[in-house]
PDB file of N, CA and C in Angstrom:
ATOM      1  N   MET A   1       6.195  16.708  -8.295  1.00  0.00           N
ATOM      2  CA  MET A   1       5.181  16.601  -7.244  1.00  0.00           C
ATOM      3  C   MET A   1       4.721  18.004  -6.864  1.00  0.00           C
ATOM      4  N   ASN A   2       3.441  18.145  -6.640  1.00  0.00           N
ATOM      5  CA  ASN A   2       2.895  19.445  -6.249  1.00  0.00           C
ATOM      6  C   ASN A   2       3.335  19.814  -4.846  1.00  0.00           C
ATOM      7  N   ARG A   3       3.397  21.102  -4.608  1.00  0.00           N
ATOM      8  CA  ARG A   3       3.768  21.598  -3.283  1.00  0.00           C
ATOM      9  C   ARG A   3       2.680  21.224  -2.287  1.00  0.00           C
ATOM     10  N   ILE A   4       3.100  20.798  -1.117  1.00  0.00           N
ATOM     11  CA  ILE A   4       2.160  20.440  -0.061  1.00  0.00           C
ATOM     12  C   ILE A   4       1.690  21.735   0.596  1.00  0.00           C
ATOM     13  N   PRO A   5       0.389  21.928   0.712  1.00  0.00           N
ATOM     14  CA  PRO A   5      -0.118  23.181   1.287  1.00  0.00           C
ATOM     15  C   PRO A   5       0.268  23.335   2.757  1.00  0.00           C
ATOM     16  N   ASP A   6       0.433  24.579   3.177  1.00  0.00           N
ATOM     17  CA  ASP A   6       0.742  24.876   4.567  1.00  0.00           C
ATOM     18  C   ASP A   6      -0.400  24.416   5.467  1.00  0.00           C
ATOM     19  N   PHE A   7      -0.118  24.370   6.767  1.00  0.00           N
ATOM     20  CA  PHE A   7      -1.166  24.067   7.736  1.00  0.00           C
ATOM     21  C   PHE A   7      -2.263  25.127   7.623  1.00  0.00           C
ATOM     22  N   THR A   8      -3.507  24.689   7.675  1.00  0.00           N
ATOM     23  CA  THR A   8      -4.632  25.619   7.642  1.00  0.00           C
ATOM     24  C   THR A   8      -4.842  26.186   9.048  1.00  0.00           C
ATOM     25  N   ASP A   9      -5.638  27.232   9.140  1.00  0.00           N
ATOM     26  CA  ASP A   9      -5.979  27.789  10.451  1.00  0.00           C
ATOM     27  C   ASP A   9      -6.655  26.732  11.325  1.00  0.00           C
ATOM     28  N   ASN A  10      -7.503  25.904  10.723  1.00  0.00           N
ATOM     29  CA  ASN A  10      -8.185  24.857  11.471  1.00  0.00           C
ATOM     30  C   ASN A  10      -7.191  23.821  11.992  1.00  0.00           C
ATOM     31  N   GLU A  11      -6.232  23.428  11.174  1.00  0.00           N
ATOM     32  CA  GLU A  11      -5.228  22.460  11.617  1.00  0.00           C
ATOM     33  C   GLU A  11      -4.391  23.037  12.767  1.00  0.00           C
ATOM     34  N   LEU A  12      -4.018  24.298  12.663  1.00  0.00           N
ATOM     35  CA  LEU A  12      -3.251  24.935  13.740  1.00  0.00           C
ATOM     36  C   LEU A  12      -4.087  25.024  15.011  1.00  0.00           C
ATOM     37  N   TRP A  13      -5.378  25.279  14.866  1.00  0.00           N
ATOM     38  CA  TRP A  13      -6.268  25.319  16.031  1.00  0.00           C
ATOM     39  C   TRP A  13      -6.314  23.951  16.700  1.00  0.00           C
ATOM     40  N   ILE A  14      -6.385  22.878  15.930  1.00  0.00           N
ATOM     41  CA  ILE A  14      -6.409  21.521  16.488  1.00  0.00           C
ATOM     42  C   ILE A  14      -5.142  21.274  17.304  1.00  0.00           C
ATOM     43  N   ILE A  15      -3.986  21.619  16.744  1.00  0.00           N
ATOM     44  CA  ILE A  15      -2.718  21.419  17.454  1.00  0.00           C
ATOM     45  C   ILE A  15      -2.694  22.242  18.734  1.00  0.00           C
ATOM     46  N   LYS A  16      -2.969  23.534  18.623  1.00  0.00           N
ATOM     47  CA  LYS A  16      -2.873  24.431  19.779  1.00  0.00           C
ATOM     48  C   LYS A  16      -3.889  24.078  20.859  1.00  0.00           C
ATOM     49  N   SER A  17      -5.107  23.741  20.479  1.00  0.00           N
ATOM     50  CA  SER A  17      -6.121  23.417  21.490  1.00  0.00           C
ATOM     51  C   SER A  17      -5.797  22.097  22.181  1.00  0.00           C
ATOM     52  N   THR A  18      -5.219  21.148  21.459  1.00  0.00           N
ATOM     53  CA  THR A  18      -4.814  19.886  22.075  1.00  0.00           C
ATOM     54  C   THR A  18      -3.667  20.123  23.058  1.00  0.00           C
ATOM     55  N   LEU A  19      -2.723  20.974  22.686  1.00  0.00           N
ATOM     56  CA  LEU A  19      -1.619  21.308  23.600  1.00  0.00           C
ATOM     57  C   LEU A  19      -2.138  22.062  24.817  1.00  0.00           C
ATOM     58  N   GLN A  20      -3.094  22.952  24.608  1.00  0.00           N
ATOM     59  CA  GLN A  20      -3.707  23.694  25.715  1.00  0.00           C
ATOM     60  C   GLN A  20      -4.347  22.726  26.708  1.00  0.00           C
ATOM     61  N   GLU A  21      -5.064  21.742  26.173  1.00  0.00           N
ATOM     62  CA  GLU A  21      -5.723  20.749  27.026  1.00  0.00           C
ATOM     63  C   GLU A  21      -4.695  19.911  27.774  1.00  0.00           C
ATOM     64  N   ARG A  22      -3.602  19.559  27.130  1.00  0.00           N
ATOM     65  CA  ARG A  22      -2.578  18.705  27.739  1.00  0.00           C
ATOM     66  C   ARG A  22      -1.766  19.439  28.814  1.00  0.00           C
ATOM     67  N   TYR A  23      -1.357  20.672  28.521  1.00  0.00           N
ATOM     68  CA  TYR A  23      -0.421  21.377  29.395  1.00  0.00           C
ATOM     69  C   TYR A  23      -1.055  22.480  30.239  1.00  0.00           C
ATOM     70  N   GLY A  24      -2.310  22.805  29.978  1.00  0.00           N
ATOM     71  CA  GLY A  24      -2.941  23.897  30.709  1.00  0.00           C
ATOM     72  C   GLY A  24      -2.723  25.238  30.033  1.00  0.00           C
ATOM     73  N   GLU A  25      -1.646  25.357  29.315  1.00  0.00           N
ATOM     74  CA  GLU A  25      -1.407  26.512  28.451  1.00  0.00           C
ATOM     75  C   GLU A  25      -0.605  26.011  27.264  1.00  0.00           C
ATOM     76  N   ALA A  26      -0.920  26.526  26.105  1.00  0.00           N
ATOM     77  CA  ALA A  26      -0.277  26.033  24.898  1.00  0.00           C
ATOM     78  C   ALA A  26       1.112  26.640  24.741  1.00  0.00           C
ATOM     79  N   PRO A  27       2.124  25.796  24.523  1.00  0.00           N
ATOM     80  CA  PRO A  27       3.436  26.340  24.190  1.00  0.00           C
ATOM     81  C   PRO A  27       3.371  27.004  22.818  1.00  0.00           C
ATOM     82  N   GLU A  28       4.318  27.866  22.534  1.00  0.00           N
ATOM     83  CA  GLU A  28       4.350  28.526  21.229  1.00  0.00           C
ATOM     84  C   GLU A  28       4.619  27.490  20.141  1.00  0.00           C
ATOM     85  N   VAL A  29       3.763  27.470  19.146  1.00  0.00           N
ATOM     86  CA  VAL A  29       3.925  26.572  18.009  1.00  0.00           C
ATOM     87  C   VAL A  29       4.552  27.377  16.875  1.00  0.00           C
ATOM     88  N   GLN A  30       5.687  26.911  16.411  1.00  0.00           N
ATOM     89  CA  GLN A  30       6.385  27.585  15.321  1.00  0.00           C
ATOM     90  C   GLN A  30       6.183  26.799  14.037  1.00  0.00           C
ATOM     91  N   LEU A  31       6.044  27.529  12.938  1.00  0.00           N
ATOM     92  CA  LEU A  31       5.904  26.884  11.637  1.00  0.00           C
ATOM     93  C   LEU A  31       7.264  26.839  10.961  1.00  0.00           C
ATOM     94  N   ALA A  32       7.537  25.730  10.315  1.00  0.00           N
ATOM     95  CA  ALA A  32       8.830  25.519   9.673  1.00  0.00           C
ATOM     96  C   ALA A  32       8.618  24.652   8.439  1.00  0.00           C
ATOM     97  N   GLU A  33       9.706  24.261   7.822  1.00  0.00           N
ATOM     98  CA  GLU A  33       9.670  23.308   6.718  1.00  0.00           C
ATOM     99  C   GLU A  33      10.689  22.221   7.002  1.00  0.00           C
ATOM    100  N   THR A  34      10.393  21.025   6.539  1.00  0.00           N
ATOM    101  CA  THR A  34      11.327  19.914   6.668  1.00  0.00           C
ATOM    102  C   THR A  34      11.313  19.127   5.374  1.00  0.00           C
ATOM    103  N   GLU A  35      12.390  18.439   5.098  1.00  0.00           N
ATOM    104  CA  GLU A  35      12.453  17.602   3.903  1.00  0.00           C
ATOM    105  C   GLU A  35      12.305  16.147   4.314  1.00  0.00           C
ATOM    106  N   LEU A  36      11.358  15.469   3.672  1.00  0.00           N
ATOM    107  CA  LEU A  36      11.079  14.069   3.992  1.00  0.00           C
ATOM    108  C   LEU A  36      11.031  13.231   2.721  1.00  0.00           C
ATOM    109  N   ARG A  37      11.369  11.961   2.882  1.00  0.00           N
ATOM    110  CA  ARG A  37      11.158  10.988   1.805  1.00  0.00           C
ATOM    111  C   ARG A  37       9.727  10.488   1.929  1.00  0.00           C
ATOM    112  N   LEU A  38       8.862  10.954   1.046  1.00  0.00           N
ATOM    113  CA  LEU A  38       7.457  10.539   1.115  1.00  0.00           C
ATOM    114  C   LEU A  38       7.254   9.146   0.532  1.00  0.00           C
ATOM    115  N   ASP A  39       8.071   8.791  -0.444  1.00  0.00           N
ATOM    116  CA  ASP A  39       8.010   7.464  -1.060  1.00  0.00           C
ATOM    117  C   ASP A  39       9.293   6.741  -0.666  1.00  0.00           C
ATOM    118  N   LEU A  40       9.174   5.744   0.191  1.00  0.00           N
ATOM    119  CA  LEU A  40      10.359   5.051   0.697  1.00  0.00           C
ATOM    120  C   LEU A  40      11.115   4.290  -0.384  1.00  0.00           C
ATOM    121  N   ALA A  41      10.478   4.075  -1.534  1.00  0.00           N
ATOM    122  CA  ALA A  41      11.142   3.381  -2.638  1.00  0.00           C
ATOM    123  C   ALA A  41      12.018   4.329  -3.462  1.00  0.00           C
ATOM    124  N   ARG A  42      11.939   5.629  -3.165  1.00  0.00           N
ATOM    125  CA  ARG A  42      12.705   6.628  -3.919  1.00  0.00           C
ATOM    126  C   ARG A  42      13.551   7.442  -2.954  1.00  0.00           C
ATOM    127  N   THR A  43      14.597   8.042  -3.476  1.00  0.00           N
ATOM    128  CA  THR A  43      15.476   8.860  -2.630  1.00  0.00           C
ATOM    129  C   THR A  43      15.087  10.332  -2.653  1.00  0.00           C
ATOM    130  N   GLU A  44      14.117  10.684  -3.461  1.00  0.00           N
ATOM    131  CA  GLU A  44      13.690  12.079  -3.597  1.00  0.00           C
ATOM    132  C   GLU A  44      13.136  12.625  -2.279  1.00  0.00           C
ATOM    133  N   LEU A  45      13.582  13.838  -1.939  1.00  0.00           N
ATOM    134  CA  LEU A  45      13.081  14.518  -0.751  1.00  0.00           C
ATOM    135  C   LEU A  45      12.019  15.539  -1.153  1.00  0.00           C
ATOM    136  N   THR A  46      10.998  15.675  -0.331  1.00  0.00           N
ATOM    137  CA  THR A  46       9.919  16.626  -0.574  1.00  0.00           C
ATOM    138  C   THR A  46       9.874  17.609   0.591  1.00  0.00           C
ATOM    139  N   VAL A  47       9.752  18.893   0.268  1.00  0.00           N
ATOM    140  CA  VAL A  47       9.618  19.911   1.306  1.00  0.00           C
ATOM    141  C   VAL A  47       8.200  19.838   1.866  1.00  0.00           C
ATOM    142  N   CYS A  48       8.113  19.690   3.195  1.00  0.00           N
ATOM    143  CA  CYS A  48       6.818  19.560   3.870  1.00  0.00           C
ATOM    144  C   CYS A  48       6.693  20.630   4.944  1.00  0.00           C
ATOM    145  N   PRO A  49       5.512  21.236   5.083  1.00  0.00           N
ATOM    146  CA  PRO A  49       5.278  22.156   6.196  1.00  0.00           C
ATOM    147  C   PRO A  49       5.370  21.388   7.515  1.00  0.00           C
ATOM    148  N   ALA A  50       5.860  22.055   8.542  1.00  0.00           N
ATOM    149  CA  ALA A  50       5.988  21.402   9.845  1.00  0.00           C
ATOM    150  C   ALA A  50       5.563  22.360  10.948  1.00  0.00           C
ATOM    151  N   ALA A  51       5.005  21.796  11.994  1.00  0.00           N
ATOM    152  CA  ALA A  51       4.684  22.533  13.219  1.00  0.00           C
ATOM    153  C   ALA A  51       5.638  22.014  14.287  1.00  0.00           C
ATOM    154  N   TYR A  52       6.259  22.931  15.012  1.00  0.00           N
ATOM    155  CA  TYR A  52       7.285  22.584  15.997  1.00  0.00           C
ATOM    156  C   TYR A  52       6.988  23.286  17.315  1.00  0.00           C
ATOM    157  N   TRP A  53       7.199  22.575  18.426  1.00  0.00           N
ATOM    158  CA  TRP A  53       7.121  23.210  19.742  1.00  0.00           C
ATOM    159  C   TRP A  53       8.040  22.455  20.690  1.00  0.00           C
ATOM    160  N   GLU A  54       8.316  23.092  21.811  1.00  0.00           N
ATOM    161  CA  GLU A  54       9.210  22.513  22.804  1.00  0.00           C
ATOM    162  C   GLU A  54       8.574  22.627  24.189  1.00  0.00           C
ATOM    163  N   VAL A  55       8.674  21.543  24.962  1.00  0.00           N
ATOM    164  CA  VAL A  55       8.189  21.529  26.344  1.00  0.00           C
ATOM    165  C   VAL A  55       9.197  20.741  27.172  1.00  0.00           C
ATOM    166  N   ASP A  56       9.694  21.345  28.241  1.00  0.00           N
ATOM    167  CA  ASP A  56      10.625  20.665  29.161  1.00  0.00           C
ATOM    168  C   ASP A  56      11.781  19.979  28.436  1.00  0.00           C
ATOM    169  N   LYS A  57      12.441  20.717  27.567  1.00  0.00           N
ATOM    170  CA  LYS A  57      13.623  20.239  26.825  1.00  0.00           C
ATOM    171  C   LYS A  57      13.316  19.103  25.853  1.00  0.00           C
ATOM    172  N   CYS A  58      12.034  18.864  25.585  1.00  0.00           N
ATOM    173  CA  CYS A  58      11.631  17.891  24.578  1.00  0.00           C
ATOM    174  C   CYS A  58      11.079  18.665  23.380  1.00  0.00           C
ATOM    175  N   HIS A  59      11.513  18.292  22.199  1.00  0.00           N
ATOM    176  CA  HIS A  59      11.123  18.955  20.960  1.00  0.00           C
ATOM    177  C   HIS A  59      10.116  18.063  20.228  1.00  0.00           C
ATOM    178  N   PHE A  60       9.067  18.673  19.700  1.00  0.00           N
ATOM    179  CA  PHE A  60       8.011  17.952  18.995  1.00  0.00           C
ATOM    180  C   PHE A  60       7.881  18.506  17.576  1.00  0.00           C
ATOM    181  N   VAL A  61       7.669  17.617  16.607  1.00  0.00           N
ATOM    182  CA  VAL A  61       7.480  18.031  15.217  1.00  0.00           C
ATOM    183  C   VAL A  61       6.338  17.226  14.610  1.00  0.00           C
ATOM    184  N   ILE A  62       5.437  17.947  13.966  1.00  0.00           N
ATOM    185  CA  ILE A  62       4.416  17.306  13.130  1.00  0.00           C
ATOM    186  C   ILE A  62       4.603  17.860  11.724  1.00  0.00           C
ATOM    187  N   ALA A  63       4.846  16.964  10.783  1.00  0.00           N
ATOM    188  CA  ALA A  63       5.015  17.352   9.385  1.00  0.00           C
ATOM    189  C   ALA A  63       3.748  16.999   8.619  1.00  0.00           C
ATOM    190  N   LYS A  64       3.323  17.917   7.782  1.00  0.00           N
ATOM    191  CA  LYS A  64       2.169  17.678   6.918  1.00  0.00           C
ATOM    192  C   LYS A  64       2.697  17.109   5.613  1.00  0.00           C
ATOM    193  N   THR A  65       2.275  15.890   5.282  1.00  0.00           N
ATOM    194  CA  THR A  65       2.814  15.208   4.108  1.00  0.00           C
ATOM    195  C   THR A  65       1.834  15.161   2.940  1.00  0.00           C
ATOM    196  N   GLY A  66       0.669  15.760   3.124  1.00  0.00           N
ATOM    197  CA  GLY A  66      -0.347  15.801   2.079  1.00  0.00           C
ATOM    198  C   GLY A  66      -1.670  16.227   2.688  1.00  0.00           C
ATOM    199  N   ASP A  67      -2.734  16.158   1.897  1.00  0.00           N
ATOM    200  CA  ASP A  67      -4.054  16.487   2.421  1.00  0.00           C
ATOM    201  C   ASP A  67      -4.448  15.435   3.463  1.00  0.00           C
ATOM    202  N   ASN A  68      -4.660  15.891   4.692  1.00  0.00           N
ATOM    203  CA  ASN A  68      -5.020  15.003   5.801  1.00  0.00           C
ATOM    204  C   ASN A  68      -4.017  13.862   5.976  1.00  0.00           C
ATOM    205  N   ARG A  69      -2.734  14.173   5.827  1.00  0.00           N
ATOM    206  CA  ARG A  69      -1.664  13.192   6.051  1.00  0.00           C
ATOM    207  C   ARG A  69      -0.576  13.860   6.878  1.00  0.00           C
ATOM    208  N   TYR A  70      -0.168  13.193   7.966  1.00  0.00           N
ATOM    209  CA  TYR A  70       0.769  13.792   8.911  1.00  0.00           C
ATOM    210  C   TYR A  70       1.747  12.745   9.433  1.00  0.00           C
ATOM    211  N   ARG A  71       2.973  13.190   9.706  1.00  0.00           N
ATOM    212  CA  ARG A  71       3.983  12.371  10.376  1.00  0.00           C
ATOM    213  C   ARG A  71       4.450  13.141  11.601  1.00  0.00           C
ATOM    214  N   CYS A  72       4.868  12.417  12.648  1.00  0.00           N
ATOM    215  CA  CYS A  72       5.269  13.111  13.869  1.00  0.00           C
ATOM    216  C   CYS A  72       6.429  12.405  14.554  1.00  0.00           C
ATOM    217  N   GLN A  73       7.134  13.174  15.372  1.00  0.00           N
ATOM    218  CA  GLN A  73       8.199  12.626  16.204  1.00  0.00           C
ATOM    219  C   GLN A  73       8.494  13.590  17.333  1.00  0.00           C
ATOM    220  N   PHE A  74       9.197  13.082  18.342  1.00  0.00           N
ATOM    221  CA  PHE A  74       9.706  13.947  19.402  1.00  0.00           C
ATOM    222  C   PHE A  74      11.151  13.561  19.638  1.00  0.00           C
ATOM    223  N   PHE A  75      11.912  14.496  20.155  1.00  0.00           N
ATOM    224  CA  PHE A  75      13.321  14.212  20.414  1.00  0.00           C
ATOM    225  C   PHE A  75      13.847  15.105  21.525  1.00  0.00           C
ATOM    226  N   TYR A  76      14.896  14.610  22.146  1.00  0.00           N
ATOM    227  CA  TYR A  76      15.577  15.360  23.201  1.00  0.00           C
ATOM    228  C   TYR A  76      16.901  15.885  22.668  1.00  0.00           C
ATOM    229  N   ARG A  77      17.676  15.024  22.085  1.00  0.00           N
ATOM    230  CA  ARG A  77      18.916  15.367  21.403  1.00  0.00           C
ATOM    231  C   ARG A  77      18.863  14.719  20.032  1.00  0.00           C
ATOM    232  N   ILE A  78      19.783  15.094  19.180  1.00  0.00           N
ATOM    233  CA  ILE A  78      19.762  14.584  17.809  1.00  0.00           C
ATOM    234  C   ILE A  78      19.824  13.053  17.769  1.00  0.00           C
ATOM    235  N   HIS A  79      20.442  12.433  18.773  1.00  0.00           N
ATOM    236  CA  HIS A  79      20.549  10.971  18.788  1.00  0.00           C
ATOM    237  C   HIS A  79      19.459  10.315  19.627  1.00  0.00           C
ATOM    238  N   GLN A  80      18.494  11.093  20.076  1.00  0.00           N
ATOM    239  CA  GLN A  80      17.377  10.568  20.859  1.00  0.00           C
ATOM    240  C   GLN A  80      16.069  10.980  20.197  1.00  0.00           C
ATOM    241  N   MET A  81      15.808  10.407  19.032  1.00  0.00           N
ATOM    242  CA  MET A  81      14.590  10.713  18.284  1.00  0.00           C
ATOM    243  C   MET A  81      13.622   9.545  18.400  1.00  0.00           C
ATOM    244  N   TYR A  82      12.349   9.874  18.586  1.00  0.00           N
ATOM    245  CA  TYR A  82      11.341   8.847  18.800  1.00  0.00           C
ATOM    246  C   TYR A  82      10.095   9.136  17.966  1.00  0.00           C
ATOM    247  N   GLY A  83       9.475   8.076  17.509  1.00  0.00           N
ATOM    248  CA  GLY A  83       8.203   8.182  16.817  1.00  0.00           C
ATOM    249  C   GLY A  83       7.120   7.518  17.652  1.00  0.00           C
ATOM    250  N   THR A  84       5.967   7.369  17.057  1.00  0.00           N
ATOM    251  CA  THR A  84       4.829   6.764  17.765  1.00  0.00           C
ATOM    252  C   THR A  84       4.647   5.294  17.406  1.00  0.00           C
ATOM    253  N   GLY A  85       5.458   4.800  16.478  1.00  0.00           N
ATOM    254  CA  GLY A  85       5.288   3.438  16.008  1.00  0.00           C
ATOM    255  C   GLY A  85       4.379   3.353  14.795  1.00  0.00           C
ATOM    256  N   ARG A  86       3.897   4.484  14.378  1.00  0.00           N
ATOM    257  CA  ARG A  86       3.024   4.549  13.194  1.00  0.00           C
ATOM    258  C   ARG A  86       3.633   5.544  12.215  1.00  0.00           C
ATOM    259  N   ASP A  87       3.740   5.156  10.953  1.00  0.00           N
ATOM    260  CA  ASP A  87       4.415   5.996   9.966  1.00  0.00           C
ATOM    261  C   ASP A  87       3.656   7.271   9.636  1.00  0.00           C
ATOM    262  N   GLU A  88       2.340   7.157   9.490  1.00  0.00           N
ATOM    263  CA  GLU A  88       1.573   8.317   9.033  1.00  0.00           C
ATOM    264  C   GLU A  88       0.148   8.262   9.592  1.00  0.00           C
ATOM    265  N   TYR A  89      -0.417   9.438   9.786  1.00  0.00           N
ATOM    266  CA  TYR A  89      -1.786   9.582  10.295  1.00  0.00           C
ATOM    267  C   TYR A  89      -2.639  10.290   9.255  1.00  0.00           C
ATOM    268  N   ASP A  90      -3.928   9.956   9.228  1.00  0.00           N
ATOM    269  CA  ASP A  90      -4.871  10.680   8.367  1.00  0.00           C
ATOM    270  C   ASP A  90      -5.819  11.531   9.200  1.00  0.00           C
ATOM    271  N   ASP A  91      -5.581  11.566  10.519  1.00  0.00           N
ATOM    272  CA  ASP A  91      -6.390  12.371  11.438  1.00  0.00           C
ATOM    273  C   ASP A  91      -5.431  13.156  12.328  1.00  0.00           C
ATOM    274  N   LEU A  92      -5.449  14.479  12.205  1.00  0.00           N
ATOM    275  CA  LEU A  92      -4.496  15.308  12.928  1.00  0.00           C
ATOM    276  C   LEU A  92      -4.681  15.212  14.441  1.00  0.00           C
ATOM    277  N   THR A  93      -5.913  15.179  14.917  1.00  0.00           N
ATOM    278  CA  THR A  93      -6.150  15.067  16.358  1.00  0.00           C
ATOM    279  C   THR A  93      -5.531  13.781  16.896  1.00  0.00           C
ATOM    280  N   GLU A  94      -5.755  12.676  16.225  1.00  0.00           N
ATOM    281  CA  GLU A  94      -5.170  11.396  16.637  1.00  0.00           C
ATOM    282  C   GLU A  94      -3.646  11.471  16.623  1.00  0.00           C
ATOM    283  N   CYS A  95      -3.076  12.141  15.632  1.00  0.00           N
ATOM    284  CA  CYS A  95      -1.634  12.309  15.526  1.00  0.00           C
ATOM    285  C   CYS A  95      -1.084  13.056  16.744  1.00  0.00           C
ATOM    286  N   VAL A  96      -1.674  14.201  17.071  1.00  0.00           N
ATOM    287  CA  VAL A  96      -1.192  15.024  18.185  1.00  0.00           C
ATOM    288  C   VAL A  96      -1.367  14.289  19.509  1.00  0.00           C
ATOM    289  N   VAL A  97      -2.539  13.713  19.742  1.00  0.00           N
ATOM    290  CA  VAL A  97      -2.818  13.023  21.005  1.00  0.00           C
ATOM    291  C   VAL A  97      -1.880  11.828  21.179  1.00  0.00           C
ATOM    292  N   THR A  98      -1.677  11.055  20.135  1.00  0.00           N
ATOM    293  CA  THR A  98      -0.789   9.888  20.216  1.00  0.00           C
ATOM    294  C   THR A  98       0.649  10.327  20.466  1.00  0.00           C
ATOM    295  N   LEU A  99       1.091  11.362  19.784  1.00  0.00           N
ATOM    296  CA  LEU A  99       2.448  11.883  19.985  1.00  0.00           C
ATOM    297  C   LEU A  99       2.654  12.291  21.443  1.00  0.00           C
ATOM    298  N   LEU A 100       1.721  13.038  21.992  1.00  0.00           N
ATOM    299  CA  LEU A 100       1.834  13.489  23.384  1.00  0.00           C
ATOM    300  C   LEU A 100       1.790  12.310  24.357  1.00  0.00           C
ATOM    301  N   GLN A 101       0.953  11.307  24.082  1.00  0.00           N
ATOM    302  CA  GLN A 101       0.845  10.139  24.973  1.00  0.00           C
ATOM    303  C   GLN A 101       2.121   9.305  24.934  1.00  0.00           C
ATOM    304  N   VAL A 102       2.666   9.072  23.739  1.00  0.00           N
ATOM    305  CA  VAL A 102       3.895   8.278  23.625  1.00  0.00           C
ATOM    306  C   VAL A 102       5.044   8.996  24.333  1.00  0.00           C
ATOM    307  N   GLN A 103       5.116  10.309  24.185  1.00  0.00           N
ATOM    308  CA  GLN A 103       6.177  11.061  24.860  1.00  0.00           C
ATOM    309  C   GLN A 103       5.999  11.005  26.372  1.00  0.00           C
ATOM    310  N   ALA A 104       4.775  11.140  26.858  1.00  0.00           N
ATOM    311  CA  ALA A 104       4.525  11.074  28.299  1.00  0.00           C
ATOM    312  C   ALA A 104       4.887   9.689  28.840  1.00  0.00           C
ATOM    313  N   ASP A 105       4.544   8.643  28.109  1.00  0.00           N
ATOM    314  CA  ASP A 105       4.896   7.281  28.520  1.00  0.00           C
ATOM    315  C   ASP A 105       6.413   7.109  28.529  1.00  0.00           C
ATOM    316  N   HIS A 106       7.086   7.635  27.507  1.00  0.00           N
ATOM    317  CA  HIS A 106       8.552   7.544  27.428  1.00  0.00           C
ATOM    318  C   HIS A 106       9.187   8.283  28.613  1.00  0.00           C
ATOM    319  N   HIS A 107       8.693   9.467  28.895  1.00  0.00           N
ATOM    320  CA  HIS A 107       9.231  10.261  30.008  1.00  0.00           C
ATOM    321  C   HIS A 107       9.055   9.519  31.333  1.00  0.00           C
ATOM    322  N   ALA A 108       7.883   8.926  31.548  1.00  0.00           N
ATOM    323  CA  ALA A 108       7.631   8.187  32.780  1.00  0.00           C
ATOM    324  C   ALA A 108       8.559   6.981  32.895  1.00  0.00           C
ATOM    325  N   THR A 109       8.774   6.277  31.806  1.00  0.00           N
ATOM    326  CA  THR A 109       9.675   5.130  31.805  1.00  0.00           C
ATOM    327  C   THR A 109      11.105   5.560  32.103  1.00  0.00           C
ATOM    328  N   GLU A 110      11.550   6.638  31.470  1.00  0.00           N
ATOM    329  CA  GLU A 110      12.913   7.148  31.690  1.00  0.00           C
ATOM    330  C   GLU A 110      13.084   7.627  33.130  1.00  0.00           C
ATOM    331  N   ALA A 111      12.031   8.144  33.720  1.00  0.00           N
ATOM    332  CA  ALA A 111      12.094   8.651  35.095  1.00  0.00           C
ATOM    333  C   ALA A 111      11.912   7.528  36.124  1.00  0.00           C
ATOM    334  N   GLY A 112      11.674   6.293  35.629  1.00  0.00           N
ATOM    335  CA  GLY A 112      11.516   5.164  36.523  1.00  0.00           C
ATOM    336  C   GLY A 112      10.125   5.001  37.088  1.00  0.00           C
ATOM    337  N   HIS A 113       9.139   5.646  36.404  1.00  0.00           N
ATOM    338  CA  HIS A 113       7.756   5.574  36.893  1.00  0.00           C
ATOM    339  C   HIS A 113       6.870   4.734  35.991  1.00  0.00           C
ATOM    340  N   GLY A 114       7.474   4.009  35.055  1.00  0.00           N
ATOM    341  CA  GLY A 114       6.621   3.287  34.125  1.00  0.00           C
ATOM    342  C   GLY A 114       6.935   1.857  33.959  1.00  0.00           C
TER     343      GLY A 114
END
């Protein structure tokens, strides 16, 4: 399998500007790599570029799984990992906005406000 290209400047701008809009100031976005099973029928792992940030002890990850393909999750501790209910996105803005909304809803529910 070909190497998945890193996040482009435009993709990073989408992430950072969406975080800026959500929080008033963008948290630092770090670039990393993660290994994912892209084909659930196979056990092969693929190295994927990832964008990571943390806000209020919550960790967020968006992995790029191909051209215009993204997966996301947020977690508090290793045993408290959450997704959005959707396996993959073909629109990065929708991915980031949905991730932030699901986390905000989860936080409100955990705090007894939802």
